């Protein structure tokens, strides 16, 4: 399940990932965007720091009667434009620094989409695969109690992320509502529709990746019909993006799961293959019975295609492999799949990279729709969700495209210019409490 700020799916099986701390990267990107704008340096300095970092320790009684204590975080970066918004992940690699960096990215993502939210991120340091369903529920309910004063429908609104899903959000919503003494579905998004979730929420990040890919192809004059696409990660984001692009006439020639990638230069029958979430080994099984066989995830990144969509994890395009990328264009489905070193190399090679804060923003956008539905106690049809998402994504694309054409900057720089301009002007209007 993908959250407001992440793209999950297959993890690469090969190739060296050069880890780049999210907080350091986010600050560097902020400083670079500030250099392109006339922004008060005091505002920039403020935005380098989160407003709040909540660290809690969560005791959970295990099924065998033993007690485990897990560390959890909720980082709230900036709320000048509205309540904090961001995913909640269960993962053994969760750190304070990661949550800070990802909360900053959520601020920019909400701003580039012009949503009335600020950025947040949370997580618990735990491998959810080591927990039974009842243990995950106890962890979620106790974590909710620990951060109860920090969240709320008009304060901070979590969403699913790596290791969490719609059921996790339902437990969180129920625990929070029981503590508050009233049903408050708007405290989280990404819930099942039966308890206030939105139709179309789960596939929204992948759908937005497909919409942005279509618009990028149009910008560069590539007819989508016949455009070749390689997708690393066939989870919720990658699978939904691939299926929609296939429907629109693109030729998806490579997909991957945790164990490897399937490649067929004439195209893969995307709709016949379950996603990693639906059937974890489906891509590998397809590849093993196919004439082309498997390639590694690392090799997928270097295929000669028109569009490469890294939709699994971060830091897969690095200084070590960016020169070997043969795609004409990269559209980021995952969060932070391209390191700064790779970004510089690809820019030098004139390979456009459409950034994650624009491309996979469908998740937080439909989360906004869900929040509106919860506040108004009135659900939307799937058709309306798709229509509204199409409208929001194309408006955001056009705003970023205008900066690219006017300033001659990269797509990432343009997205950050749009976002920082909106956040900066909001801070100027509100001022600093003396």
Protein backbone atom coordinates (compact mmCIF):
# COMPACT_ATOMS: atom_id res chain seq x y z
CA UNK A 1 0.00 0.00 0.00
CA UNK A 2 1.35 3.43 -0.79
CA UNK A 3 0.96 6.44 1.33
CA UNK A 4 0.96 10.16 0.77
CA UNK A 5 4.67 10.20 0.36
CA UNK A 6 5.96 6.87 -0.69
CA UNK A 7 5.93 4.39 -3.48
CA UNK A 8 6.17 0.79 -2.43
CA UNK A 9 6.59 -2.36 -4.43
CA UNK A 10 9.51 -4.53 -5.39
CA UNK A 11 12.88 -3.95 -3.77
CA UNK A 12 15.83 -4.11 -6.14
CA UNK A 13 17.61 -7.45 -6.24
CA UNK A 14 20.84 -6.16 -7.68
CA UNK A 15 22.99 -3.08 -8.06
CA UNK A 16 24.52 -0.86 -5.45
CA UNK A 17 22.26 1.67 -3.74
CA UNK A 18 24.10 4.76 -2.59
CA UNK A 19 22.18 5.84 0.48
CA UNK A 20 21.68 9.59 0.74
CA UNK A 21 20.15 10.82 4.03
CA UNK A 22 16.71 12.23 3.29
CA UNK A 23 17.11 15.18 5.66
CA UNK A 24 20.39 16.29 4.08
CA UNK A 25 18.98 15.91 0.58
CA UNK A 26 15.82 17.83 1.45
CA UNK A 27 17.80 20.74 2.91
CA UNK A 28 20.09 20.84 -0.13
CA UNK A 29 17.10 20.92 -2.46
CA UNK A 30 15.51 23.70 -0.41
CA UNK A 31 18.68 25.81 -0.57
CA UNK A 32 19.01 25.25 -4.31
CA UNK A 33 15.38 26.27 -4.92
CA UNK A 34 15.86 29.36 -2.75
CA UNK A 35 18.78 30.41 -4.98
CA UNK A 36 16.35 30.51 -7.91
CA UNK A 37 13.80 32.70 -6.12
CA UNK A 38 13.69 35.98 -4.23
CA UNK A 39 12.74 34.44 -0.89
CA UNK A 40 13.39 35.98 2.51
CA UNK A 41 16.42 34.07 3.84
CA UNK A 42 14.81 34.02 7.27
CA UNK A 43 11.93 31.99 5.82
CA UNK A 44 14.39 29.59 4.19
CA UNK A 45 16.18 29.16 7.52
CA UNK A 46 12.87 28.42 9.22
CA UNK A 47 12.00 25.79 6.62
CA UNK A 48 15.23 23.90 7.25
CA UNK A 49 13.82 22.79 10.60
CA UNK A 50 10.67 20.82 11.49
CA UNK A 51 8.15 22.50 13.74
CA UNK A 52 7.83 19.41 15.98
CA UNK A 53 9.51 16.03 16.39
CA UNK A 54 7.53 13.63 18.54
CA UNK A 55 9.46 10.56 19.73
CA UNK A 56 7.57 7.92 21.68
CA UNK A 57 8.23 4.45 23.04
CA UNK A 58 5.38 2.03 22.47
CA UNK A 59 4.96 -1.03 24.72
CA UNK A 60 3.18 -3.96 23.09
CA UNK A 61 2.19 -7.25 24.72
CA UNK A 62 3.08 -10.02 22.27
CA UNK A 63 0.91 -13.04 21.63
CA UNK A 64 3.19 -15.18 23.83
CA UNK A 65 2.75 -12.80 26.78
CA UNK A 66 6.16 -11.13 26.47
CA UNK A 67 6.57 -7.37 26.20
CA UNK A 68 8.31 -5.52 23.36
CA UNK A 69 8.91 -1.76 23.29
CA UNK A 70 9.09 -0.02 19.91
CA UNK A 71 10.32 3.48 19.10
CA UNK A 72 7.99 5.65 17.06
CA UNK A 73 8.16 9.11 15.51
CA UNK A 74 5.79 11.75 14.20
CA UNK A 75 7.57 14.68 12.58
CA UNK A 76 5.61 17.81 11.65
CA UNK A 77 7.51 20.10 9.31
CA UNK A 78 5.37 23.09 8.34
CA UNK A 79 1.69 24.01 8.69
CA UNK A 80 1.59 27.52 7.23
CA UNK A 81 -0.81 26.39 4.47
CA UNK A 82 -2.94 23.98 6.52
CA UNK A 83 -2.87 20.87 8.74
CA UNK A 84 0.15 18.59 8.65
CA UNK A 85 -0.22 15.67 6.23
CA UNK A 86 1.93 12.62 5.62
CA UNK A 87 2.32 8.88 5.77
CA UNK A 88 2.94 6.54 8.70
CA UNK A 89 5.29 3.62 8.04
CA UNK A 90 6.19 0.45 9.91
CA UNK A 91 9.73 -0.46 8.91
CA UNK A 92 12.93 -1.52 10.71
CA UNK A 93 14.86 1.25 8.96
CA UNK A 94 12.75 4.14 10.27
CA UNK A 95 14.88 6.93 11.78
CA UNK A 96 14.30 10.42 13.10
CA UNK A 97 16.37 11.91 10.27
CA UNK A 98 14.45 10.01 7.61
CA UNK A 99 11.13 11.22 9.00
CA UNK A 100 12.39 14.81 9.07
CA UNK A 101 13.49 14.68 5.43
CA UNK A 102 10.31 13.00 4.25
CA UNK A 103 8.16 15.49 6.16
CA UNK A 104 9.92 18.30 4.28
CA UNK A 105 9.21 16.58 0.97
CA UNK A 106 5.55 16.35 1.95
CA UNK A 107 5.48 20.11 2.48
CA UNK A 108 6.74 20.64 -1.07
CA UNK A 109 4.48 17.96 -2.51
CA UNK A 110 1.35 19.51 -1.00
CA UNK A 111 2.47 22.97 -2.13
CA UNK A 112 3.25 21.96 -5.72
CA UNK A 113 -0.25 20.44 -5.86
CA UNK A 114 -1.64 23.61 -4.22
CA UNK A 115 -3.34 21.58 -1.48
CA UNK A 116 -4.19 23.27 1.86
CA UNK A 117 -1.84 21.01 3.83
CA UNK A 118 1.64 21.11 5.30
CA UNK A 119 4.11 18.25 5.54
CA UNK A 120 4.47 15.48 8.13
CA UNK A 121 5.86 11.98 8.36
CA UNK A 122 5.80 9.23 10.95
CA UNK A 123 6.96 5.72 11.57
CA UNK A 124 7.60 2.93 14.02
CA UNK A 125 10.90 1.04 14.05
CA UNK A 126 9.53 -2.45 13.51
CA UNK A 127 9.39 -5.15 10.87
CA UNK A 128 5.64 -5.68 10.42
CA UNK A 129 6.32 -9.17 9.05
CA UNK A 130 7.49 -10.15 12.54
CA UNK A 131 4.10 -9.24 14.02
CA UNK A 132 0.85 -11.16 13.93
CA UNK A 133 -2.31 -9.33 12.89
CA UNK A 134 -3.37 -8.93 16.53
CA UNK A 135 0.09 -7.61 17.47
CA UNK A 136 -0.05 -5.06 14.63
CA UNK A 137 -3.44 -3.94 15.88
CA UNK A 138 -2.19 -3.55 19.46
CA UNK A 139 0.86 -1.64 18.22
CA UNK A 140 -1.31 0.70 16.14
CA UNK A 141 -3.79 1.41 18.91
CA UNK A 142 -1.08 2.06 21.53
CA UNK A 143 0.94 4.23 19.12
CA UNK A 144 -2.23 6.22 18.45
CA UNK A 145 -2.61 6.84 22.17
CA UNK A 146 1.02 7.99 22.43
CA UNK A 147 0.63 10.59 19.65
CA UNK A 148 -3.04 11.42 20.25
CA UNK A 149 -2.42 15.03 21.26
CA UNK A 150 -0.32 15.64 18.14
CA UNK A 151 -2.84 14.48 15.52
CA UNK A 152 -6.39 15.39 14.56
CA UNK A 153 -8.59 16.22 11.53
CA UNK A 154 -7.52 19.86 11.65
CA UNK A 155 -4.04 19.30 13.10
CA UNK A 156 -2.19 16.35 11.56
CA UNK A 157 -3.66 13.66 9.31
CA UNK A 158 -1.66 10.41 8.86
CA UNK A 159 -2.00 8.03 5.90
CA UNK A 160 -0.71 4.58 4.90
CA UNK A 161 2.91 4.09 3.92
CA UNK A 162 5.43 1.25 3.82
CA UNK A 163 4.29 -1.57 6.09
CA UNK A 164 0.88 -0.03 6.80
CA UNK A 165 -2.38 -0.21 4.90
CA UNK A 166 -6.07 0.66 4.94
CA UNK A 167 -6.68 -1.67 7.89
CA UNK A 168 -3.96 0.09 9.89
CA UNK A 169 -5.67 3.41 9.24
CA UNK A 170 -9.03 1.96 10.29
CA UNK A 171 -7.51 0.85 13.60
CA UNK A 172 -5.89 4.26 14.09
CA UNK A 173 -9.13 6.07 13.31
CA UNK A 174 -11.09 3.84 15.68
CA UNK A 175 -8.57 4.23 18.51
CA UNK A 176 -8.48 8.01 18.11
CA UNK A 177 -12.28 8.24 17.90
CA UNK A 178 -12.74 6.11 21.03
CA UNK A 179 -10.29 8.35 22.90
CA UNK A 180 -12.07 11.50 21.73
CA UNK A 181 -15.56 10.15 22.41
CA UNK A 182 -16.87 10.69 18.88
CA UNK A 183 -16.34 9.19 15.44
CA UNK A 184 -13.78 11.30 13.57
CA UNK A 185 -12.97 9.65 10.23
CA UNK A 186 -11.04 12.73 9.07
CA UNK A 187 -8.14 12.00 11.44
CA UNK A 188 -6.57 9.70 8.83
CA UNK A 189 -6.85 9.05 5.11
CA UNK A 190 -6.36 5.85 3.18
CA UNK A 191 -9.09 4.06 5.16
CA UNK A 192 -11.45 1.44 3.75
CA UNK A 193 -14.40 3.18 2.03
CA UNK A 194 -16.81 1.49 4.45
CA UNK A 195 -15.46 3.69 7.28
CA UNK A 196 -14.98 6.93 5.38
CA UNK A 197 -12.23 6.11 2.91
CA UNK A 198 -12.31 7.31 -0.67
CA UNK A 199 -12.81 5.31 -3.81
CA UNK A 200 -9.69 5.42 -5.95
CA UNK A 201 -7.29 6.17 -3.10
CA UNK A 202 -5.09 3.09 -3.39
CA UNK A 203 -4.39 3.41 -7.11
CA UNK A 204 -4.04 7.22 -7.02
CA UNK A 205 -0.21 7.50 -6.85
CA UNK A 206 0.19 5.15 -9.81
CA UNK A 207 -2.54 6.94 -11.70
CA UNK A 208 -0.80 10.28 -11.19
CA UNK A 209 2.50 8.80 -12.41
CA UNK A 210 0.72 7.72 -15.59
CA UNK A 211 -0.92 11.14 -16.05
CA UNK A 212 2.41 12.94 -15.62
CA UNK A 213 4.15 10.50 -17.98
CA UNK A 214 1.49 11.21 -20.59
CA UNK A 215 1.91 14.97 -20.18
CA UNK A 216 5.71 14.70 -20.30
CA UNK A 217 5.54 12.71 -23.53
CA UNK A 218 3.23 15.37 -24.95
CA UNK A 219 5.67 18.12 -23.88
CA UNK A 220 8.55 16.47 -25.72
CA UNK A 221 6.48 15.49 -28.74
CA UNK A 222 6.48 11.73 -28.17
CA UNK A 223 3.26 10.03 -29.26
CA UNK A 224 2.19 7.84 -26.34
CA UNK A 225 1.15 5.16 -28.81
CA UNK A 226 4.25 3.01 -29.11
CA UNK A 227 6.29 4.75 -26.41
CA UNK A 228 8.33 2.09 -24.59
CA UNK A 229 8.29 2.06 -20.79
CA UNK A 230 10.27 0.17 -18.13
CA UNK A 231 8.85 0.10 -14.58
CA UNK A 232 11.02 -0.90 -11.62
CA UNK A 233 8.68 -2.08 -8.89
CA UNK A 234 5.33 -3.69 -9.68
CA UNK A 235 3.64 -2.75 -6.41
CA UNK A 236 0.66 -0.45 -6.09
CA UNK A 237 2.36 2.50 -7.79
CA UNK A 238 4.20 0.67 -10.55
CA UNK A 239 1.39 -1.71 -11.44
CA UNK A 240 -1.30 0.96 -11.60
CA UNK A 241 0.92 3.28 -13.64
CA UNK A 242 1.85 0.49 -16.05
CA UNK A 243 -1.74 -0.65 -16.54
CA UNK A 244 -3.03 2.83 -17.26
CA UNK A 245 -0.17 3.61 -19.66
CA UNK A 246 -0.88 0.31 -21.41
CA UNK A 247 -4.55 1.31 -21.73
CA UNK A 248 -3.45 4.58 -23.33
CA UNK A 249 -1.30 2.85 -25.94
CA UNK A 250 2.19 2.82 -24.44
CA UNK A 251 4.25 -0.37 -24.65
CA UNK A 252 5.45 -1.55 -21.24
CA UNK A 253 8.50 -3.72 -21.97
CA UNK A 254 9.84 -4.38 -18.46
CA UNK A 255 8.51 -4.75 -14.91
CA UNK A 256 10.08 -6.06 -11.71
CA UNK A 257 9.39 -7.56 -8.32
CA UNK A 258 11.65 -8.31 -5.36
CA UNK A 259 13.38 -11.20 -7.11
CA UNK A 260 13.95 -9.89 -10.60
CA UNK A 261 12.50 -8.31 -13.72
CA UNK A 262 10.63 -9.49 -16.77
CA UNK A 263 11.64 -8.02 -20.11
CA UNK A 264 10.08 -8.33 -23.55
CA UNK A 265 10.97 -5.74 -26.20
CA UNK A 266 7.63 -6.26 -27.95
CA UNK A 267 5.64 -5.60 -24.78
CA UNK A 268 4.37 -7.40 -21.68
CA UNK A 269 0.67 -8.32 -21.13
CA UNK A 270 0.46 -6.03 -18.11
CA UNK A 271 -3.17 -6.70 -17.23
CA UNK A 272 -2.54 -10.46 -17.02
CA UNK A 273 0.11 -10.19 -14.31
CA UNK A 274 -0.89 -9.58 -10.67
CA UNK A 275 0.90 -6.77 -8.83
CA UNK A 276 3.41 -7.49 -6.10
CA UNK A 277 0.71 -6.64 -3.54
CA UNK A 278 -1.80 -8.98 -5.17
CA UNK A 279 0.57 -11.94 -5.69
CA UNK A 280 4.18 -11.39 -4.55
CA UNK A 281 5.96 -13.79 -6.94
CA UNK A 282 3.83 -13.18 -10.04
CA UNK A 283 6.39 -11.14 -12.02
CA UNK A 284 9.16 -13.65 -11.40
CA UNK A 285 6.96 -16.57 -12.40
CA UNK A 286 5.99 -14.78 -15.60
CA UNK A 287 9.64 -14.04 -16.41
CA UNK A 288 10.73 -17.64 -15.80
CA UNK A 289 8.24 -18.95 -18.36
CA UNK A 290 8.91 -16.23 -20.91
CA UNK A 291 11.37 -16.54 -23.80
CA UNK A 292 13.33 -13.47 -22.72
CA UNK A 293 13.67 -14.77 -19.16
CA UNK A 294 14.61 -12.51 -16.27
CA UNK A 295 16.92 -9.54 -15.96
CA UNK A 296 17.96 -7.98 -12.68
CA UNK A 297 16.46 -4.82 -11.25
CA UNK A 298 19.81 -3.13 -11.84
CA UNK A 299 19.76 -4.16 -15.51
CA UNK A 300 16.19 -2.89 -15.87
CA UNK A 301 17.42 0.60 -15.03
CA UNK A 302 19.77 0.48 -18.01
CA UNK A 303 17.36 -0.77 -20.69
CA UNK A 304 17.06 1.18 -23.93
CA UNK A 305 13.53 2.58 -23.48
CA UNK A 306 11.73 5.88 -23.95
CA UNK A 307 10.56 6.20 -20.32
CA UNK A 308 12.04 4.73 -17.15
CA UNK A 309 9.79 4.73 -14.07
CA UNK A 310 11.65 3.79 -10.86
CA UNK A 311 8.68 2.94 -8.63
CA UNK A 312 10.16 0.71 -5.93
CA UNK A 313 12.50 2.38 -3.43
CA UNK A 314 14.80 5.36 -3.09
CA UNK A 315 18.41 5.86 -4.19
CA UNK A 316 18.42 3.39 -7.10
CA UNK A 317 19.75 5.88 -9.65
CA UNK A 318 23.17 6.89 -8.37
CA UNK A 319 26.43 8.40 -9.48
CA UNK A 320 27.60 4.85 -10.18
CA UNK A 321 24.92 3.94 -12.74
CA UNK A 322 23.51 7.24 -14.08
CA UNK A 323 25.86 7.20 -17.08
CA UNK A 324 24.48 3.77 -18.00
CA UNK A 325 20.83 4.88 -18.04
CA UNK A 326 19.69 4.70 -21.66
CA UNK A 327 16.12 5.89 -21.16
CA UNK A 328 15.16 9.11 -22.91
CA UNK A 329 13.27 10.31 -19.84
CA UNK A 330 12.85 9.37 -16.16
CA UNK A 331 9.57 9.77 -14.25
CA UNK A 332 9.97 9.15 -10.53
CA UNK A 333 7.30 6.87 -9.10
CA UNK A 334 9.11 6.16 -5.83
CA UNK A 335 10.22 8.77 -3.32
CA UNK A 336 13.79 9.89 -3.89
CA UNK A 337 14.88 7.24 -6.41
CA UNK A 338 17.50 9.60 -7.88
CA UNK A 339 20.45 10.76 -5.78
CA UNK A 340 21.87 14.25 -6.20
CA UNK A 341 24.92 12.82 -7.99
CA UNK A 342 22.73 10.96 -10.47
CA UNK A 343 20.53 14.02 -10.95
CA UNK A 344 23.57 16.10 -11.95
CA UNK A 345 24.80 13.44 -14.37
CA UNK A 346 21.39 13.01 -16.01
CA UNK A 347 20.98 16.79 -16.31
CA UNK A 348 24.42 17.02 -17.96
CA UNK A 349 23.30 14.31 -20.40
CA UNK A 350 20.02 16.17 -21.09
CA UNK A 351 17.92 13.31 -19.73
CA UNK A 352 14.78 14.91 -18.23
CA UNK A 353 13.84 13.72 -14.73
CA UNK A 354 10.27 14.46 -13.63
CA UNK A 355 10.42 14.54 -9.80
CA UNK A 356 8.50 12.48 -7.29
CA UNK A 357 6.91 15.50 -5.60
CA UNK A 358 4.92 16.01 -8.79
CA UNK A 359 4.69 12.58 -10.38
CA UNK A 360 3.46 10.48 -7.44
CA UNK A 361 1.40 13.24 -5.79
CA UNK A 362 -1.85 11.48 -6.63
CA UNK A 363 -1.82 9.79 -3.23
CA UNK A 364 -1.92 12.96 -1.17
CA UNK A 365 -4.29 14.58 -3.66
CA UNK A 366 -6.90 11.84 -3.29
CA UNK A 367 -6.21 11.90 0.45
CA UNK A 368 -7.29 15.54 0.29
CA UNK A 369 -10.45 14.43 -1.52
CA UNK A 370 -11.03 11.82 1.21
CA UNK A 371 -10.57 14.46 3.92
CA UNK A 372 -13.14 16.69 2.20
CA UNK A 373 -15.57 13.78 1.98
CA UNK A 374 -15.11 13.01 5.68
CA UNK A 375 -15.61 16.63 6.73
CA UNK A 376 -18.74 16.95 4.61
CA UNK A 377 -19.99 13.41 5.37
CA UNK A 378 -20.63 12.94 1.65
CA UNK A 379 -18.84 10.35 -0.48
CA UNK A 380 -17.72 10.81 -4.09
CA UNK A 381 -18.06 8.33 -6.93
CA UNK A 382 -14.95 6.76 -8.44
CA UNK A 383 -15.67 8.66 -11.63
CA UNK A 384 -15.62 11.96 -9.76
CA UNK A 385 -12.36 11.06 -8.00
CA UNK A 386 -10.72 10.26 -11.34
CA UNK A 387 -12.07 13.45 -12.88
CA UNK A 388 -10.91 15.65 -10.00
CA UNK A 389 -7.49 13.95 -9.89
CA UNK A 390 -7.02 14.50 -13.62
CA UNK A 391 -7.85 18.17 -13.16
CA UNK A 392 -5.51 18.66 -10.18
CA UNK A 393 -2.60 16.79 -11.79
CA UNK A 394 -2.82 18.65 -15.10
CA UNK A 395 -3.04 22.01 -13.29
CA UNK A 396 0.07 21.17 -11.26
CA UNK A 397 1.86 19.95 -14.39
CA UNK A 398 1.05 23.17 -16.23
CA UNK A 399 2.34 25.30 -13.34
CA UNK A 400 5.65 23.42 -13.30
CA UNK A 401 5.87 23.30 -17.10
CA UNK A 402 5.50 27.10 -17.24
CA UNK A 403 8.55 27.52 -14.97
CA UNK A 404 10.57 25.05 -17.06
CA UNK A 405 9.77 26.98 -20.23
CA UNK A 406 10.26 30.43 -18.68
CA UNK A 407 13.49 29.76 -16.76
CA UNK A 408 15.05 26.88 -18.67
CA UNK A 409 15.57 24.89 -15.46
CA UNK A 410 15.15 21.18 -14.78
CA UNK A 411 11.78 19.70 -13.89
CA UNK A 412 12.92 19.15 -10.31
CA UNK A 413 14.07 22.73 -9.96
CA UNK A 414 10.82 23.97 -11.47
CA UNK A 415 8.70 21.89 -9.08
CA UNK A 416 10.63 23.21 -6.09
CA UNK A 417 10.36 26.79 -7.36
CA UNK A 418 6.57 26.44 -7.58
CA UNK A 419 6.35 24.84 -4.13
CA UNK A 420 8.75 27.18 -2.33
CA UNK A 421 7.14 30.24 -3.88
CA UNK A 422 3.74 29.20 -2.50
CA UNK A 423 5.06 28.28 0.94
CA UNK A 424 7.24 31.40 1.11
CA UNK A 425 4.40 33.75 0.21
CA UNK A 426 2.20 32.11 2.85
CA UNK A 427 4.89 32.67 5.49
CA UNK A 428 5.30 36.28 4.41
CA UNK A 429 1.56 36.83 4.71
CA UNK A 430 1.28 35.24 8.16
CA UNK A 431 4.57 36.52 9.61
CA UNK A 432 6.49 35.18 12.61
CA UNK A 433 4.95 35.17 16.11
CA UNK A 434 7.11 37.63 18.13
